[in-house]
Amino acid sequence: MSEMVVYMTVKNRDEAKKIAAALLEKKLIACANIIEGAISMYEWKGELCEEIEAVVLMKSCKELFEELKSTVLSLHSYEVPALVGIKIDAGHEPFLAWIRSQTKL
């Protein structure tokens, strides 16, 4: 099974929608869920930071991750964006088949 969920954070809904639209247009993802209002706390360059971000959960396939990553990095505003692929080990087969049918696999 090559289906995966890709987790990403962005500065706001507009950036999330811009990146998701580009990935959908290229058929690199089947779907994106944009969740606004996440409070992120982290250390960056020695300083404790707290930001409100949007979390984006995307459905894709492992074979497309490198092209997906390249597209995200070309559009993302962060110097080091959070972008992680998580393999789906089990799922509802009709949904997994839909992911494959909606992407350019």
PDB file of N, CA and C in Angstrom:
ATOM      1  N   MET A   1       0.839  -1.178   0.000  1.00  0.00           N
ATOM      2  CA  MET A   1       0.000   0.000   0.000  1.00  0.00           C
ATOM      3  C   MET A   1       0.889   1.248   0.000  1.00  0.00           C
ATOM      4  N   SER A   2       0.664   2.152  -0.935  1.00  0.00           N
ATOM      5  CA  SER A   2       1.517   3.336  -1.029  1.00  0.00           C
ATOM      6  C   SER A   2       0.820   4.613  -0.581  1.00  0.00           C
ATOM      7  N   GLU A   3      -0.439   4.528  -0.195  1.00  0.00           N
ATOM      8  CA  GLU A   3      -1.172   5.720   0.215  1.00  0.00           C
ATOM      9  C   GLU A   3      -0.561   6.289   1.489  1.00  0.00           C
ATOM     10  N   MET A   4      -0.643   7.619   1.602  1.00  0.00           N
ATOM     11  CA  MET A   4      -0.077   8.285   2.769  1.00  0.00           C
ATOM     12  C   MET A   4      -0.864   9.541   3.094  1.00  0.00           C
ATOM     13  N   VAL A   5      -0.710   9.989   4.328  1.00  0.00           N
ATOM     14  CA  VAL A   5      -1.202  11.288   4.761  1.00  0.00           C
ATOM     15  C   VAL A   5       0.023  12.179   4.881  1.00  0.00           C
ATOM     16  N   VAL A   6      -0.060  13.372   4.343  1.00  0.00           N
ATOM     17  CA  VAL A   6       1.035  14.332   4.445  1.00  0.00           C
ATOM     18  C   VAL A   6       0.580  15.451   5.383  1.00  0.00           C
ATOM     19  N   TYR A   7       1.385  15.683   6.421  1.00  0.00           N
ATOM     20  CA  TYR A   7       1.123  16.715   7.424  1.00  0.00           C
ATOM     21  C   TYR A   7       1.982  17.929   7.113  1.00  0.00           C
ATOM     22  N   MET A   8       1.364  19.108   7.146  1.00  0.00           N
ATOM     23  CA  MET A   8       2.103  20.336   6.880  1.00  0.00           C
ATOM     24  C   MET A   8       1.484  21.454   7.711  1.00  0.00           C
ATOM     25  N   THR A   9       2.314  22.391   8.154  1.00  0.00           N
ATOM     26  CA  THR A   9       1.802  23.607   8.773  1.00  0.00           C
ATOM     27  C   THR A   9       2.189  24.792   7.893  1.00  0.00           C
ATOM     28  N   VAL A  10       1.322  25.809   7.900  1.00  0.00           N
ATOM     29  CA  VAL A  10       1.542  27.030   7.120  1.00  0.00           C
ATOM     30  C   VAL A  10       1.118  28.229   7.962  1.00  0.00           C
ATOM     31  N   LYS A  11       1.472  29.417   7.495  1.00  0.00           N
ATOM     32  CA  LYS A  11       1.212  30.614   8.298  1.00  0.00           C
ATOM     33  C   LYS A  11      -0.273  30.983   8.392  1.00  0.00           C
ATOM     34  N   ASN A  12      -1.081  30.620   7.376  1.00  0.00           N
ATOM     35  CA  ASN A  12      -2.498  30.978   7.425  1.00  0.00           C
ATOM     36  C   ASN A  12      -3.300  30.222   6.363  1.00  0.00           C
ATOM     37  N   ARG A  13      -4.611  30.423   6.378  1.00  0.00           N
ATOM     38  CA  ARG A  13      -5.514  29.738   5.450  1.00  0.00           C
ATOM     39  C   ARG A  13      -5.198  30.073   3.994  1.00  0.00           C
ATOM     40  N   ASP A  14      -4.867  31.307   3.695  1.00  0.00           N
ATOM     41  CA  ASP A  14      -4.597  31.682   2.304  1.00  0.00           C
ATOM     42  C   ASP A  14      -3.404  30.907   1.745  1.00  0.00           C
ATOM     43  N   GLU A  15      -2.340  30.802   2.543  1.00  0.00           N
ATOM     44  CA  GLU A  15      -1.182  30.038   2.076  1.00  0.00           C
ATOM     45  C   GLU A  15      -1.540  28.558   1.935  1.00  0.00           C
ATOM     46  N   ALA A  16      -2.316  28.035   2.863  1.00  0.00           N
ATOM     47  CA  ALA A  16      -2.747  26.635   2.782  1.00  0.00           C
ATOM     48  C   ALA A  16      -3.533  26.385   1.497  1.00  0.00           C
ATOM     49  N   LYS A  17      -4.468  27.275   1.202  1.00  0.00           N
ATOM     50  CA  LYS A  17      -5.287  27.109  -0.005  1.00  0.00           C
ATOM     51  C   LYS A  17      -4.454  27.226  -1.279  1.00  0.00           C
ATOM     52  N   LYS A  18      -3.499  28.137  -1.293  1.00  0.00           N
ATOM     53  CA  LYS A  18      -2.634  28.303  -2.468  1.00  0.00           C
ATOM     54  C   LYS A  18      -1.827  27.030  -2.728  1.00  0.00           C
ATOM     55  N   ILE A  19      -1.224  26.490  -1.692  1.00  0.00           N
ATOM     56  CA  ILE A  19      -0.407  25.282  -1.846  1.00  0.00           C
ATOM     57  C   ILE A  19      -1.293  24.089  -2.201  1.00  0.00           C
ATOM     58  N   ALA A  20      -2.413  23.936  -1.506  1.00  0.00           N
ATOM     59  CA  ALA A  20      -3.314  22.808  -1.797  1.00  0.00           C
ATOM     60  C   ALA A  20      -3.822  22.864  -3.239  1.00  0.00           C
ATOM     61  N   ALA A  21      -4.188  24.043  -3.707  1.00  0.00           N
ATOM     62  CA  ALA A  21      -4.681  24.174  -5.082  1.00  0.00           C
ATOM     63  C   ALA A  21      -3.612  23.767  -6.096  1.00  0.00           C
ATOM     64  N   ALA A  22      -2.377  24.172  -5.866  1.00  0.00           N
ATOM     65  CA  ALA A  22      -1.289  23.802  -6.782  1.00  0.00           C
ATOM     66  C   ALA A  22      -1.074  22.290  -6.786  1.00  0.00           C
ATOM     67  N   LEU A  23      -1.136  21.669  -5.613  1.00  0.00           N
ATOM     68  CA  LEU A  23      -0.944  20.220  -5.532  1.00  0.00           C
ATOM     69  C   LEU A  23      -2.106  19.461  -6.164  1.00  0.00           C
ATOM     70  N   LEU A  24      -3.319  19.958  -5.972  1.00  0.00           N
ATOM     71  CA  LEU A  24      -4.477  19.332  -6.608  1.00  0.00           C
ATOM     72  C   LEU A  24      -4.403  19.458  -8.123  1.00  0.00           C
ATOM     73  N   GLU A  25      -4.015  20.632  -8.599  1.00  0.00           N
ATOM     74  CA  GLU A  25      -3.909  20.857 -10.047  1.00  0.00           C
ATOM     75  C   GLU A  25      -2.909  19.902 -10.683  1.00  0.00           C
ATOM     76  N   LYS A  26      -1.816  19.637  -9.988  1.00  0.00           N
ATOM     77  CA  LYS A  26      -0.789  18.717 -10.502  1.00  0.00           C
ATOM     78  C   LYS A  26      -1.111  17.251 -10.221  1.00  0.00           C
ATOM     79  N   LYS A  27      -2.264  17.003  -9.566  1.00  0.00           N
ATOM     80  CA  LYS A  27      -2.681  15.647  -9.193  1.00  0.00           C
ATOM     81  C   LYS A  27      -1.674  14.956  -8.276  1.00  0.00           C
ATOM     82  N   LEU A  28      -1.049  15.739  -7.393  1.00  0.00           N
ATOM     83  CA  LEU A  28      -0.111  15.192  -6.421  1.00  0.00           C
ATOM     84  C   LEU A  28      -0.796  14.824  -5.111  1.00  0.00           C
ATOM     85  N   ILE A  29      -2.000  15.341  -4.912  1.00  0.00           N
ATOM     86  CA  ILE A  29      -2.816  14.963  -3.763  1.00  0.00           C
ATOM     87  C   ILE A  29      -4.242  14.717  -4.236  1.00  0.00           C
ATOM     88  N   ALA A  30      -4.975  13.932  -3.452  1.00  0.00           N
ATOM     89  CA  ALA A  30      -6.385  13.702  -3.746  1.00  0.00           C
ATOM     90  C   ALA A  30      -7.273  14.684  -2.989  1.00  0.00           C
ATOM     91  N   CYS A  31      -6.785  15.160  -1.847  1.00  0.00           N
ATOM     92  CA  CYS A  31      -7.604  15.976  -0.959  1.00  0.00           C
ATOM     93  C   CYS A  31      -6.701  16.709   0.022  1.00  0.00           C
ATOM     94  N   ALA A  32      -7.159  17.857   0.477  1.00  0.00           N
ATOM     95  CA  ALA A  32      -6.470  18.580   1.551  1.00  0.00           C
ATOM     96  C   ALA A  32      -7.503  19.044   2.560  1.00  0.00           C
ATOM     97  N   ASN A  33      -7.243  18.797   3.816  1.00  0.00           N
ATOM     98  CA  ASN A  33      -8.062  19.315   4.906  1.00  0.00           C
ATOM     99  C   ASN A  33      -7.276  20.434   5.573  1.00  0.00           C
ATOM    100  N   ILE A  34      -7.867  21.613   5.623  1.00  0.00           N
ATOM    101  CA  ILE A  34      -7.205  22.779   6.197  1.00  0.00           C
ATOM    102  C   ILE A  34      -7.860  23.084   7.539  1.00  0.00           C
ATOM    103  N   ILE A  35      -7.050  23.068   8.585  1.00  0.00           N
ATOM    104  CA  ILE A  35      -7.541  23.275   9.944  1.00  0.00           C
ATOM    105  C   ILE A  35      -6.889  24.547  10.481  1.00  0.00           C
ATOM    106  N   GLU A  36      -7.690  25.575  10.632  1.00  0.00           N
ATOM    107  CA  GLU A  36      -7.169  26.863  11.098  1.00  0.00           C
ATOM    108  C   GLU A  36      -7.077  26.920  12.618  1.00  0.00           C
ATOM    109  N   GLY A  37      -6.224  27.801  13.107  1.00  0.00           N
ATOM    110  CA  GLY A  37      -6.197  28.119  14.522  1.00  0.00           C
ATOM    111  C   GLY A  37      -5.318  27.242  15.385  1.00  0.00           C
ATOM    112  N   ALA A  38      -4.415  26.483  14.797  1.00  0.00           N
ATOM    113  CA  ALA A  38      -3.504  25.662  15.593  1.00  0.00           C
ATOM    114  C   ALA A  38      -2.501  26.566  16.292  1.00  0.00           C
ATOM    115  N   ILE A  39      -2.316  26.348  17.574  1.00  0.00           N
ATOM    116  CA  ILE A  39      -1.303  27.095  18.313  1.00  0.00           C
ATOM    117  C   ILE A  39      -0.029  26.271  18.294  1.00  0.00           C
ATOM    118  N   SER A  40       1.008  26.813  17.706  1.00  0.00           N
ATOM    119  CA  SER A  40       2.298  26.126  17.612  1.00  0.00           C
ATOM    120  C   SER A  40       3.297  26.828  18.511  1.00  0.00           C
ATOM    121  N   MET A  41       3.955  26.038  19.346  1.00  0.00           N
ATOM    122  CA  MET A  41       5.015  26.561  20.216  1.00  0.00           C
ATOM    123  C   MET A  41       6.292  25.804  19.875  1.00  0.00           C
ATOM    124  N   TYR A  42       7.382  26.550  19.690  1.00  0.00           N
ATOM    125  CA  TYR A  42       8.638  25.939  19.274  1.00  0.00           C
ATOM    126  C   TYR A  42       9.788  26.891  19.571  1.00  0.00           C
ATOM    127  N   GLU A  43      10.982  26.358  19.511  1.00  0.00           N
ATOM    128  CA  GLU A  43      12.171  27.192  19.634  1.00  0.00           C
ATOM    129  C   GLU A  43      12.756  27.384  18.246  1.00  0.00           C
ATOM    130  N   TRP A  44      13.071  28.627  17.912  1.00  0.00           N
ATOM    131  CA  TRP A  44      13.658  28.931  16.615  1.00  0.00           C
ATOM    132  C   TRP A  44      14.776  29.942  16.818  1.00  0.00           C
ATOM    133  N   LYS A  45      15.969  29.544  16.425  1.00  0.00           N
ATOM    134  CA  LYS A  45      17.149  30.403  16.536  1.00  0.00           C
ATOM    135  C   LYS A  45      17.321  30.933  17.961  1.00  0.00           C
ATOM    136  N   GLY A  46      17.118  30.020  18.933  1.00  0.00           N
ATOM    137  CA  GLY A  46      17.333  30.342  20.331  1.00  0.00           C
ATOM    138  C   GLY A  46      16.214  31.090  21.016  1.00  0.00           C
ATOM    139  N   GLU A  47      15.125  31.325  20.331  1.00  0.00           N
ATOM    140  CA  GLU A  47      14.019  32.086  20.894  1.00  0.00           C
ATOM    141  C   GLU A  47      12.766  31.219  20.971  1.00  0.00           C
ATOM    142  N   LEU A  48      12.047  31.275  22.081  1.00  0.00           N
ATOM    143  CA  LEU A  48      10.782  30.566  22.219  1.00  0.00           C
ATOM    144  C   LEU A  48       9.718  31.323  21.437  1.00  0.00           C
ATOM    145  N   CYS A  49       9.030  30.617  20.560  1.00  0.00           N
ATOM    146  CA  CYS A  49       8.036  31.239  19.686  1.00  0.00           C
ATOM    147  C   CYS A  49       6.668  30.605  19.906  1.00  0.00           C
ATOM    148  N   GLU A  50       5.638  31.387  19.710  1.00  0.00           N
ATOM    149  CA  GLU A  50       4.258  30.902  19.727  1.00  0.00           C
ATOM    150  C   GLU A  50       3.535  31.581  18.575  1.00  0.00           C
ATOM    151  N   GLU A  51       2.958  30.789  17.701  1.00  0.00           N
ATOM    152  CA  GLU A  51       2.273  31.310  16.509  1.00  0.00           C
ATOM    153  C   GLU A  51       0.936  30.600  16.334  1.00  0.00           C
ATOM    154  N   ILE A  52       0.011  31.254  15.696  1.00  0.00           N
ATOM    155  CA  ILE A  52      -1.218  30.603  15.257  1.00  0.00           C
ATOM    156  C   ILE A  52      -1.019  30.263  13.791  1.00  0.00           C
ATOM    157  N   GLU A  53      -1.171  28.992  13.470  1.00  0.00           N
ATOM    158  CA  GLU A  53      -0.936  28.493  12.119  1.00  0.00           C
ATOM    159  C   GLU A  53      -2.153  27.725  11.628  1.00  0.00           C
ATOM    160  N   ALA A  54      -2.078  27.305  10.388  1.00  0.00           N
ATOM    161  CA  ALA A  54      -3.051  26.363   9.833  1.00  0.00           C
ATOM    162  C   ALA A  54      -2.332  25.036   9.632  1.00  0.00           C
ATOM    163  N   VAL A  55      -3.027  23.960   9.967  1.00  0.00           N
ATOM    164  CA  VAL A  55      -2.519  22.608   9.722  1.00  0.00           C
ATOM    165  C   VAL A  55      -3.196  22.102   8.463  1.00  0.00           C
ATOM    166  N   VAL A  56      -2.422  21.477   7.591  1.00  0.00           N
ATOM    167  CA  VAL A  56      -2.961  20.907   6.368  1.00  0.00           C
ATOM    168  C   VAL A  56      -2.663  19.414   6.375  1.00  0.00           C
ATOM    169  N   LEU A  57      -3.720  18.611   6.250  1.00  0.00           N
ATOM    170  CA  LEU A  57      -3.595  17.163   6.123  1.00  0.00           C
ATOM    171  C   LEU A  57      -3.983  16.810   4.699  1.00  0.00           C
ATOM    172  N   MET A  58      -3.067  16.155   3.994  1.00  0.00           N
ATOM    173  CA  MET A  58      -3.295  15.838   2.582  1.00  0.00           C
ATOM    174  C   MET A  58      -3.212  14.340   2.358  1.00  0.00           C
ATOM    175  N   LYS A  59      -4.008  13.846   1.423  1.00  0.00           N
ATOM    176  CA  LYS A  59      -3.967  12.430   1.071  1.00  0.00           C
ATOM    177  C   LYS A  59      -3.248  12.296  -0.261  1.00  0.00           C
ATOM    178  N   SER A  60      -2.255  11.420  -0.290  1.00  0.00           N
ATOM    179  CA  SER A  60      -1.431  11.250  -1.480  1.00  0.00           C
ATOM    180  C   SER A  60      -0.875   9.829  -1.506  1.00  0.00           C
ATOM    181  N   CYS A  61       0.171   9.640  -2.298  1.00  0.00           N
ATOM    182  CA  CYS A  61       0.846   8.348  -2.419  1.00  0.00           C
ATOM    183  C   CYS A  61       2.350   8.566  -2.318  1.00  0.00           C
ATOM    184  N   LYS A  62       3.015   7.586  -1.739  1.00  0.00           N
ATOM    185  CA  LYS A  62       4.451   7.683  -1.478  1.00  0.00           C
ATOM    186  C   LYS A  62       5.244   8.019  -2.743  1.00  0.00           C
ATOM    187  N   GLU A  63       4.854   7.444  -3.859  1.00  0.00           N
ATOM    188  CA  GLU A  63       5.581   7.654  -5.111  1.00  0.00           C
ATOM    189  C   GLU A  63       5.561   9.116  -5.570  1.00  0.00           C
ATOM    190  N   LEU A  64       4.620   9.890  -5.063  1.00  0.00           N
ATOM    191  CA  LEU A  64       4.482  11.294  -5.470  1.00  0.00           C
ATOM    192  C   LEU A  64       5.119  12.268  -4.480  1.00  0.00           C
ATOM    193  N   PHE A  65       5.650  11.752  -3.361  1.00  0.00           N
ATOM    194  CA  PHE A  65       6.095  12.643  -2.289  1.00  0.00           C
ATOM    195  C   PHE A  65       7.205  13.596  -2.716  1.00  0.00           C
ATOM    196  N   GLU A  66       8.191  13.137  -3.457  1.00  0.00           N
ATOM    197  CA  GLU A  66       9.307  14.027  -3.817  1.00  0.00           C
ATOM    198  C   GLU A  66       8.834  15.191  -4.682  1.00  0.00           C
ATOM    199  N   GLU A  67       7.953  14.932  -5.641  1.00  0.00           N
ATOM    200  CA  GLU A  67       7.412  16.015  -6.470  1.00  0.00           C
ATOM    201  C   GLU A  67       6.502  16.919  -5.636  1.00  0.00           C
ATOM    202  N   LEU A  68       5.715  16.320  -4.743  1.00  0.00           N
ATOM    203  CA  LEU A  68       4.876  17.090  -3.829  1.00  0.00           C
ATOM    204  C   LEU A  68       5.747  18.014  -2.985  1.00  0.00           C
ATOM    205  N   LYS A  69       6.811  17.468  -2.410  1.00  0.00           N
ATOM    206  CA  LYS A  69       7.722  18.253  -1.571  1.00  0.00           C
ATOM    207  C   LYS A  69       8.334  19.405  -2.360  1.00  0.00           C
ATOM    208  N   SER A  70       8.774  19.135  -3.566  1.00  0.00           N
ATOM    209  CA  SER A  70       9.377  20.175  -4.397  1.00  0.00           C
ATOM    210  C   SER A  70       8.382  21.308  -4.664  1.00  0.00           C
ATOM    211  N   THR A  71       7.146  20.950  -4.953  1.00  0.00           N
ATOM    212  CA  THR A  71       6.113  21.956  -5.202  1.00  0.00           C
ATOM    213  C   THR A  71       5.850  22.771  -3.940  1.00  0.00           C
ATOM    214  N   VAL A  72       5.716  22.099  -2.800  1.00  0.00           N
ATOM    215  CA  VAL A  72       5.479  22.798  -1.537  1.00  0.00           C
ATOM    216  C   VAL A  72       6.621  23.771  -1.240  1.00  0.00           C
ATOM    217  N   LEU A  73       7.859  23.304  -1.368  1.00  0.00           N
ATOM    218  CA  LEU A  73       9.003  24.155  -1.045  1.00  0.00           C
ATOM    219  C   LEU A  73       9.082  25.383  -1.953  1.00  0.00           C
ATOM    220  N   SER A  74       8.580  25.265  -3.184  1.00  0.00           N
ATOM    221  CA  SER A  74       8.606  26.412  -4.102  1.00  0.00           C
ATOM    222  C   SER A  74       7.544  27.459  -3.748  1.00  0.00           C
ATOM    223  N   LEU A  75       6.545  27.078  -2.952  1.00  0.00           N
ATOM    224  CA  LEU A  75       5.431  27.981  -2.635  1.00  0.00           C
ATOM    225  C   LEU A  75       5.364  28.384  -1.166  1.00  0.00           C
ATOM    226  N   HIS A  76       5.983  27.647  -0.297  1.00  0.00           N
ATOM    227  CA  HIS A  76       5.862  27.844   1.154  1.00  0.00           C
ATOM    228  C   HIS A  76       6.674  29.047   1.610  1.00  0.00           C
ATOM    229  N   SER A  77       6.145  29.779   2.575  1.00  0.00           N
ATOM    230  CA  SER A  77       6.818  30.996   3.042  1.00  0.00           C
ATOM    231  C   SER A  77       7.856  30.744   4.133  1.00  0.00           C
ATOM    232  N   TYR A  78       7.847  29.562   4.748  1.00  0.00           N
ATOM    233  CA  TYR A  78       8.777  29.292   5.844  1.00  0.00           C
ATOM    234  C   TYR A  78      10.143  28.864   5.334  1.00  0.00           C
ATOM    235  N   GLU A  79      11.161  29.193   6.099  1.00  0.00           N
ATOM    236  CA  GLU A  79      12.522  28.770   5.786  1.00  0.00           C
ATOM    237  C   GLU A  79      12.664  27.252   5.919  1.00  0.00           C
ATOM    238  N   VAL A  80      12.052  26.683   6.948  1.00  0.00           N
ATOM    239  CA  VAL A  80      12.094  25.228   7.177  1.00  0.00           C
ATOM    240  C   VAL A  80      10.663  24.766   7.470  1.00  0.00           C
ATOM    241  N   PRO A  81       9.864  24.524   6.434  1.00  0.00           N
ATOM    242  CA  PRO A  81       8.477  24.122   6.680  1.00  0.00           C
ATOM    243  C   PRO A  81       8.369  22.703   7.238  1.00  0.00           C
ATOM    244  N   ALA A  82       7.354  22.501   8.077  1.00  0.00           N
ATOM    245  CA  ALA A  82       7.012  21.153   8.538  1.00  0.00           C
ATOM    246  C   ALA A  82       6.306  20.453   7.389  1.00  0.00           C
ATOM    247  N   LEU A  83       6.859  19.351   6.943  1.00  0.00           N
ATOM    248  CA  LEU A  83       6.275  18.576   5.856  1.00  0.00           C
ATOM    249  C   LEU A  83       6.671  17.125   6.085  1.00  0.00           C
ATOM    250  N   VAL A  84       5.690  16.305   6.466  1.00  0.00           N
ATOM    251  CA  VAL A  84       5.967  14.932   6.861  1.00  0.00           C
ATOM    252  C   VAL A  84       4.976  14.001   6.191  1.00  0.00           C
ATOM    253  N   GLY A  85       5.480  12.934   5.591  1.00  0.00           N
ATOM    254  CA  GLY A  85       4.629  11.906   5.015  1.00  0.00           C
ATOM    255  C   GLY A  85       4.457  10.763   6.001  1.00  0.00           C
ATOM    256  N   ILE A  86       3.219  10.337   6.210  1.00  0.00           N
ATOM    257  CA  ILE A  86       2.907   9.267   7.157  1.00  0.00           C
ATOM    258  C   ILE A  86       2.202   8.150   6.392  1.00  0.00           C
ATOM    259  N   LYS A  87       2.823   6.999   6.352  1.00  0.00           N
ATOM    260  CA  LYS A  87       2.281   5.853   5.615  1.00  0.00           C
ATOM    261  C   LYS A  87       0.962   5.396   6.234  1.00  0.00           C
ATOM    262  N   ILE A  88       0.008   5.081   5.373  1.00  0.00           N
ATOM    263  CA  ILE A  88      -1.263   4.504   5.822  1.00  0.00           C
ATOM    264  C   ILE A  88      -1.094   2.990   5.819  1.00  0.00           C
ATOM    265  N   ASP A  89      -1.175   2.384   6.998  1.00  0.00           N
ATOM    266  CA  ASP A  89      -1.023   0.931   7.111  1.00  0.00           C
ATOM    267  C   ASP A  89      -2.336   0.188   6.913  1.00  0.00           C
ATOM    268  N   ALA A  90      -3.443   0.848   7.182  1.00  0.00           N
ATOM    269  CA  ALA A  90      -4.755   0.226   7.030  1.00  0.00           C
ATOM    270  C   ALA A  90      -5.762   1.328   6.739  1.00  0.00           C
ATOM    271  N   GLY A  91      -6.813   0.974   6.019  1.00  0.00           N
ATOM    272  CA  GLY A  91      -7.835   1.965   5.714  1.00  0.00           C
ATOM    273  C   GLY A  91      -8.994   1.339   4.969  1.00  0.00           C
ATOM    274  N   HIS A  92     -10.036   2.109   4.780  1.00  0.00           N
ATOM    275  CA  HIS A  92     -11.221   1.688   4.040  1.00  0.00           C
ATOM    276  C   HIS A  92     -10.842   1.617   2.558  1.00  0.00           C
ATOM    277  N   GLU A  93     -10.830   0.422   1.997  1.00  0.00           N
ATOM    278  CA  GLU A  93     -10.296   0.218   0.643  1.00  0.00           C
ATOM    279  C   GLU A  93     -10.931   1.122  -0.418  1.00  0.00           C
ATOM    280  N   PRO A  94     -12.254   1.335  -0.414  1.00  0.00           N
ATOM    281  CA  PRO A  94     -12.803   2.255  -1.420  1.00  0.00           C
ATOM    282  C   PRO A  94     -12.215   3.671  -1.315  1.00  0.00           C
ATOM    283  N   PHE A  95     -11.940   4.131  -0.091  1.00  0.00           N
ATOM    284  CA  PHE A  95     -11.320   5.444   0.086  1.00  0.00           C
ATOM    285  C   PHE A  95      -9.880   5.439  -0.418  1.00  0.00           C
ATOM    286  N   LEU A  96      -9.135   4.382  -0.102  1.00  0.00           N
ATOM    287  CA  LEU A  96      -7.752   4.282  -0.579  1.00  0.00           C
ATOM    288  C   LEU A  96      -7.713   4.217  -2.104  1.00  0.00           C
ATOM    289  N   ALA A  97      -8.650   3.495  -2.692  1.00  0.00           N
ATOM    290  CA  ALA A  97      -8.735   3.423  -4.159  1.00  0.00           C
ATOM    291  C   ALA A  97      -9.041   4.807  -4.736  1.00  0.00           C
ATOM    292  N   TRP A  98      -9.873   5.578  -4.047  1.00  0.00           N
ATOM    293  CA  TRP A  98     -10.182   6.930  -4.502  1.00  0.00           C
ATOM    294  C   TRP A  98      -8.933   7.804  -4.484  1.00  0.00           C
ATOM    295  N   ILE A  99      -8.113   7.679  -3.445  1.00  0.00           N
ATOM    296  CA  ILE A  99      -6.846   8.433  -3.403  1.00  0.00           C
ATOM    297  C   ILE A  99      -6.019   8.109  -4.635  1.00  0.00           C
ATOM    298  N   ARG A 100      -5.870   6.842  -4.936  1.00  0.00           N
ATOM    299  CA  ARG A 100      -5.069   6.426  -6.108  1.00  0.00           C
ATOM    300  C   ARG A 100      -5.692   6.964  -7.393  1.00  0.00           C
ATOM    301  N   SER A 101      -7.006   6.941  -7.498  1.00  0.00           N
ATOM    302  CA  SER A 101      -7.661   7.388  -8.740  1.00  0.00           C
ATOM    303  C   SER A 101      -7.579   8.895  -8.933  1.00  0.00           C
ATOM    304  N   GLN A 102      -7.481   9.640  -7.859  1.00  0.00           N
ATOM    305  CA  GLN A 102      -7.436  11.103  -7.954  1.00  0.00           C
ATOM    306  C   GLN A 102      -6.029  11.662  -8.146  1.00  0.00           C
ATOM    307  N   THR A 103      -5.026  10.841  -7.921  1.00  0.00           N
ATOM    308  CA  THR A 103      -3.656  11.299  -8.102  1.00  0.00           C
ATOM    309  C   THR A 103      -3.118  10.737  -9.416  1.00  0.00           C
ATOM    310  N   LYS A 104      -1.949  11.217  -9.808  1.00  0.00           N
ATOM    311  CA  LYS A 104      -1.417  10.829 -11.114  1.00  0.00           C
ATOM    312  C   LYS A 104      -0.617   9.533 -11.072  1.00  0.00           C
ATOM    313  N   LEU A 105      -0.972   8.636 -10.162  1.00  0.00           N
ATOM    314  CA  LEU A 105      -0.296   7.345 -10.098  1.00  0.00           C
ATOM    315  C   LEU A 105      -0.607   6.491 -11.292  1.00  0.00           C
TER     316      LEU A 105
END
